C-alpha atoms as a PDB file:
ATOM      1  CA  UNK A   1      12.843  34.883 -78.789  1.00  0.00           C
ATOM      2  CA  UNK A   2      10.832  31.795 -77.902  1.00  0.00           C
ATOM      3  CA  UNK A   3      11.413  28.121 -78.362  1.00  0.00           C
ATOM      4  CA  UNK A   4       7.928  27.034 -79.460  1.00  0.00           C
ATOM      5  CA  UNK A   5       8.152  23.247 -79.821  1.00  0.00           C
ATOM      6  CA  UNK A   6      10.293  20.131 -80.401  1.00  0.00           C
ATOM      7  CA  UNK A   7       9.638  17.300 -82.884  1.00  0.00           C
ATOM      8  CA  UNK A   8      11.610  14.152 -82.123  1.00  0.00           C
ATOM      9  CA  UNK A   9      12.660  11.495 -84.617  1.00  0.00           C
ATOM     10  CA  UNK A  10      14.490   8.182 -84.046  1.00  0.00           C
ATOM     11  CA  UNK A  11      17.850   9.701 -84.931  1.00  0.00           C
ATOM     12  CA  UNK A  12      17.481  13.453 -84.467  1.00  0.00           C
ATOM     13  CA  UNK A  13      15.094  16.274 -83.540  1.00  0.00           C
ATOM     14  CA  UNK A  14      13.726  19.509 -84.819  1.00  0.00           C
ATOM     15  CA  UNK A  15      13.105  22.625 -82.739  1.00  0.00           C
ATOM     16  CA  UNK A  16      10.952  25.585 -83.726  1.00  0.00           C
ATOM     17  CA  UNK A  17      11.361  29.152 -82.577  1.00  0.00           C
ATOM     18  CA  UNK A  18       9.838  32.580 -83.123  1.00  0.00           C
ATOM     19  CA  UNK A  19      11.546  35.953 -82.889  1.00  0.00           C
ATOM     20  CA  UNK A  20       9.279  38.888 -82.116  1.00  0.00           C
ATOM     21  CA  UNK A  21      10.780  42.366 -82.514  1.00  0.00           C
ATOM     22  CA  UNK A  22       9.536  45.780 -81.365  1.00  0.00           C
ATOM     23  CA  UNK A  23      10.678  47.408 -84.585  1.00  0.00           C
ATOM     24  CA  UNK A  24      11.515  46.097 -88.027  1.00  0.00           C
ATOM     25  CA  UNK A  25      15.048  44.742 -87.809  1.00  0.00           C
ATOM     26  CA  UNK A  26      15.906  46.416 -91.114  1.00  0.00           C
ATOM     27  CA  UNK A  27      15.079  49.795 -89.667  1.00  0.00           C
ATOM     28  CA  UNK A  28      17.012  49.010 -86.521  1.00  0.00           C
ATOM     29  CA  UNK A  29      20.324  48.030 -88.054  1.00  0.00           C
ATOM     30  CA  UNK A  30      20.494  49.289 -91.643  1.00  0.00           C
ATOM     31  CA  UNK A  31      23.120  51.858 -90.589  1.00  0.00           C
ATOM     32  CA  UNK A  32      25.075  49.113 -88.747  1.00  0.00           C
ATOM     33  CA  UNK A  33      25.107  47.010 -91.924  1.00  0.00           C
ATOM     34  CA  UNK A  34      26.431  49.938 -93.971  1.00  0.00           C
ATOM     35  CA  UNK A  35      29.204  50.591 -91.441  1.00  0.00           C
ATOM     36  CA  UNK A  36      30.173  46.906 -91.410  1.00  0.00           C
ATOM     37  CA  UNK A  37      30.357  46.818 -95.199  1.00  0.00           C
ATOM     38  CA  UNK A  38      32.456  49.981 -95.354  1.00  0.00           C
ATOM     39  CA  UNK A  39      34.917  48.476 -92.830  1.00  0.00           C
ATOM     40  CA  UNK A  40      35.000  45.136 -94.660  1.00  0.00           C
ATOM     41  CA  UNK A  41      33.618  43.411 -91.561  1.00  0.00           C
ATOM     42  CA  UNK A  42      31.438  40.308 -91.583  1.00  0.00           C
ATOM     43  CA  UNK A  43      27.858  41.408 -90.845  1.00  0.00           C
ATOM     44  CA  UNK A  44      26.889  37.853 -89.700  1.00  0.00           C
ATOM     45  CA  UNK A  45      25.861  39.301 -86.338  1.00  0.00           C
ATOM     46  CA  UNK A  46      22.969  41.044 -88.056  1.00  0.00           C
ATOM     47  CA  UNK A  47      21.291  37.718 -88.821  1.00  0.00           C
ATOM     48  CA  UNK A  48      19.192  35.651 -86.413  1.00  0.00           C
ATOM     49  CA  UNK A  49      21.403  33.245 -84.473  1.00  0.00           C
ATOM     50  CA  UNK A  50      20.398  29.741 -83.284  1.00  0.00           C
ATOM     51  CA  UNK A  51      22.354  26.741 -82.098  1.00  0.00           C
ATOM     52  CA  UNK A  52      22.481  23.753 -79.728  1.00  0.00           C
ATOM     53  CA  UNK A  53      24.972  22.525 -77.164  1.00  0.00           C
ATOM     54  CA  UNK A  54      25.047  18.957 -75.862  1.00  0.00           C
ATOM     55  CA  UNK A  55      25.983  17.892 -72.333  1.00  0.00           C
ATOM     56  CA  UNK A  56      29.320  16.546 -73.547  1.00  0.00           C
ATOM     57  CA  UNK A  57      30.384  20.024 -74.759  1.00  0.00           C
ATOM     58  CA  UNK A  58      29.643  19.679 -78.471  1.00  0.00           C
ATOM     59  CA  UNK A  59      28.082  22.838 -79.850  1.00  0.00           C
ATOM     60  CA  UNK A  60      26.964  23.869 -83.296  1.00  0.00           C
ATOM     61  CA  UNK A  61      25.718  27.350 -84.211  1.00  0.00           C
ATOM     62  CA  UNK A  62      24.029  28.725 -87.298  1.00  0.00           C
ATOM     63  CA  UNK A  63      22.906  32.081 -88.593  1.00  0.00           C
ATOM     64  CA  UNK A  64      19.678  32.311 -90.491  1.00  0.00           C
ATOM     65  CA  UNK A  65      20.211  34.282 -93.673  1.00  0.00           C
ATOM     66  CA  UNK A  66      16.589  33.648 -94.689  1.00  0.00           C
ATOM     67  CA  UNK A  67      15.397  36.246 -92.237  1.00  0.00           C
ATOM     68  CA  UNK A  68      18.344  38.603 -92.182  1.00  0.00           C
ATOM     69  CA  UNK A  69      17.961  42.303 -92.719  1.00  0.00           C
ATOM     70  CA  UNK A  70      19.342  41.729 -96.228  1.00  0.00           C
ATOM     71  CA  UNK A  71      16.080  40.080 -97.241  1.00  0.00           C
ATOM     72  CA  UNK A  72      15.252  36.432 -97.897  1.00  0.00           C
ATOM     73  CA  UNK A  73      18.012  34.098 -99.067  1.00  0.00           C
ATOM     74  CA  UNK A  74      17.852  32.976-102.691  1.00  0.00           C
ATOM     75  CA  UNK A  75      19.109  29.540-101.672  1.00  0.00           C
ATOM     76  CA  UNK A  76      16.499  27.481 -99.799  1.00  0.00           C
ATOM     77  CA  UNK A  77      17.692  25.544 -96.747  1.00  0.00           C
ATOM     78  CA  UNK A  78      18.498  21.909 -97.447  1.00  0.00           C
ATOM     79  CA  UNK A  79      20.290  18.897 -96.192  1.00  0.00           C
ATOM     80  CA  UNK A  80      23.841  18.043 -97.205  1.00  0.00           C
ATOM     81  CA  UNK A  81      24.468  15.111 -99.481  1.00  0.00           C
ATOM     82  CA  UNK A  82      26.060  13.245 -96.560  1.00  0.00           C
ATOM     83  CA  UNK A  83      25.658  13.492 -92.814  1.00  0.00           C
ATOM     84  CA  UNK A  84      28.782  14.138 -90.752  1.00  0.00           C
ATOM     85  CA  UNK A  85      30.718  10.862 -90.413  1.00  0.00           C
ATOM     86  CA  UNK A  86      31.348  11.073 -86.652  1.00  0.00           C
ATOM     87  CA  UNK A  87      28.137  11.407 -84.595  1.00  0.00           C
ATOM     88  CA  UNK A  88      30.321  11.038 -81.470  1.00  0.00           C
ATOM     89  CA  UNK A  89      32.168  14.289 -82.182  1.00  0.00           C
ATOM     90  CA  UNK A  90      30.019  16.322 -84.612  1.00  0.00           C
ATOM     91  CA  UNK A  91      26.592  17.859 -84.706  1.00  0.00           C
ATOM     92  CA  UNK A  92      24.684  18.667 -87.886  1.00  0.00           C
ATOM     93  CA  UNK A  93      22.219  21.562 -87.717  1.00  0.00           C
ATOM     94  CA  UNK A  94      20.192  22.927 -90.599  1.00  0.00           C
ATOM     95  CA  UNK A  95      17.704  25.764 -90.286  1.00  0.00           C
ATOM     96  CA  UNK A  96      14.715  26.732 -92.263  1.00  0.00           C
ATOM     97  CA  UNK A  97      12.090  29.402 -91.979  1.00  0.00           C
ATOM     98  CA  UNK A  98       8.792  30.556 -93.189  1.00  0.00           C
ATOM     99  CA  UNK A  99       7.792  33.930 -94.533  1.00  0.00           C
ATOM    100  CA  UNK A 100       8.304  36.588 -91.914  1.00  0.00           C
ATOM    101  CA  UNK A 101       5.369  38.665 -90.793  1.00  0.00           C
ATOM    102  CA  UNK A 102       5.778  42.240 -89.559  1.00  0.00           C
ATOM    103  CA  UNK A 103       7.771  41.984 -86.302  1.00  0.00           C
ATOM    104  CA  UNK A 104       7.444  38.184 -86.189  1.00  0.00           C
ATOM    105  CA  UNK A 105       9.976  35.722 -87.659  1.00  0.00           C
ATOM    106  CA  UNK A 106       9.262  31.980 -87.310  1.00  0.00           C
ATOM    107  CA  UNK A 107      11.972  29.372 -87.983  1.00  0.00           C
ATOM    108  CA  UNK A 108      13.053  25.851 -87.230  1.00  0.00           C
ATOM    109  CA  UNK A 109      16.191  23.738 -87.181  1.00  0.00           C
ATOM    110  CA  UNK A 110      16.843  20.027 -87.600  1.00  0.00           C
ATOM    111  CA  UNK A 111      19.603  18.611 -85.358  1.00  0.00           C
ATOM    112  CA  UNK A 112      21.429  15.271 -85.809  1.00  0.00           C
ATOM    113  CA  UNK A 113      22.306  13.114 -83.855  1.00  0.00           C
ATOM    114  CA  UNK A 114      20.200  12.809 -80.712  1.00  0.00           C
ATOM    115  CA  UNK A 115      21.800  14.423 -77.698  1.00  0.00           C
ATOM    116  CA  UNK A 116      23.509  12.448 -74.934  1.00  0.00           C
ATOM    117  CA  UNK A 117      21.891  12.421 -71.468  1.00  0.00           C
ATOM    118  CA  UNK A 118      22.212  15.629 -69.463  1.00  0.00           C
ATOM    119  CA  UNK A 119      21.478  19.253 -70.199  1.00  0.00           C
ATOM    120  CA  UNK A 120      20.543  20.217 -73.757  1.00  0.00           C
ATOM    121  CA  UNK A 121      21.096  23.947 -74.353  1.00  0.00           C
ATOM    122  CA  UNK A 122      19.468  25.959 -77.148  1.00  0.00           C
ATOM    123  CA  UNK A 123      21.110  29.272 -78.068  1.00  0.00           C
ATOM    124  CA  UNK A 124      18.672  31.789 -79.639  1.00  0.00           C
ATOM    125  CA  UNK A 125      18.970  35.481 -80.351  1.00  0.00           C
ATOM    126  CA  UNK A 126      19.054  38.299 -82.874  1.00  0.00           C
ATOM    127  CA  UNK A 127      21.363  40.996 -81.436  1.00  0.00           C
ATOM    128  CA  UNK A 128      20.787  43.436 -84.318  1.00  0.00           C
ATOM    129  CA  UNK A 129      17.078  43.313 -83.579  1.00  0.00           C
ATOM    130  CA  UNK A 130      17.605  43.894 -79.862  1.00  0.00           C
ATOM    131  CA  UNK A 131      17.365  40.193 -78.901  1.00  0.00           C
ATOM    132  CA  UNK A 132      20.652  39.040 -77.307  1.00  0.00           C
ATOM    133  CA  UNK A 133      21.776  35.485 -77.865  1.00  0.00           C
ATOM    134  CA  UNK A 134      20.789  33.694 -74.649  1.00  0.00           C
ATOM    135  CA  UNK A 135      20.745  30.034 -73.529  1.00  0.00           C
ATOM    136  CA  UNK A 136      17.673  27.923 -72.751  1.00  0.00           C
ATOM    137  CA  UNK A 137      18.420  24.628 -71.063  1.00  0.00           C
ATOM    138  CA  UNK A 138      16.241  21.576 -70.859  1.00  0.00           C
ATOM    139  CA  UNK A 139      16.953  17.994 -69.781  1.00  0.00           C
ATOM    140  CA  UNK A 140      17.820  15.877 -72.811  1.00  0.00           C
ATOM    141  CA  UNK A 141      15.717  13.111 -71.283  1.00  0.00           C
ATOM    142  CA  UNK A 142      12.702  14.928 -72.661  1.00  0.00           C
ATOM    143  CA  UNK A 143      14.028  14.284 -76.154  1.00  0.00           C
ATOM    144  CA  UNK A 144      15.539  10.831 -75.524  1.00  0.00           C
ATOM    145  CA  UNK A 145      12.446   9.400 -73.864  1.00  0.00           C
ATOM    146  CA  UNK A 146      10.329  10.266 -76.860  1.00  0.00           C
ATOM    147  CA  UNK A 147      12.899   9.057 -79.411  1.00  0.00           C
ATOM    148  CA  UNK A 148      12.944   5.633 -77.785  1.00  0.00           C
ATOM    149  CA  UNK A 149       9.213   5.048 -78.170  1.00  0.00           C
ATOM    150  CA  UNK A 150       7.272   3.474 -81.034  1.00  0.00           C
ATOM    151  CA  UNK A 151       4.038   5.405 -81.147  1.00  0.00           C
ATOM    152  CA  UNK A 152       1.695   4.458 -83.941  1.00  0.00           C
ATOM    153  CA  UNK A 153      -0.324   7.329 -85.326  1.00  0.00           C
ATOM    154  CA  UNK A 154      -3.148   4.970 -86.394  1.00  0.00           C
ATOM    155  CA  UNK A 155      -4.121   1.299 -86.291  1.00  0.00           C
ATOM    156  CA  UNK A 156      -2.906  -0.873 -89.157  1.00  0.00           C
ATOM    157  CA  UNK A 157      -5.885  -2.329 -91.127  1.00  0.00           C
END
């Protein structure tokens, strides 16, 4: 798993990631999925996992069904009709992905609101594909410094 880049907006940010697997995840865990279904267990652990944790302890996790071993999701990722009402206590995260290539699964997630100062932790992994969920920490200043700038992409005529 690799965090490939961040895109920062005035009120949130997007992070992109790529999972690269040695074998096709479907081959790796088809038997595990069947056992989970027979036992009535939730096979959510078979999907790619991503999330963020802010310095103040808020954390939000998601599981990307659009690249699960069950095949692409029929429902495209989208934004809710209303953002969470309490940016002081809640995090909104919504993922999306592009078409997977053999052994390579790119995706991204939009996060709202901006993080508070301190460590910003990304959680990425796909246990069923042999990629354990692991943290990657950066300083939130890297996001906050960019969010506070007004950078014009071109000169106004």
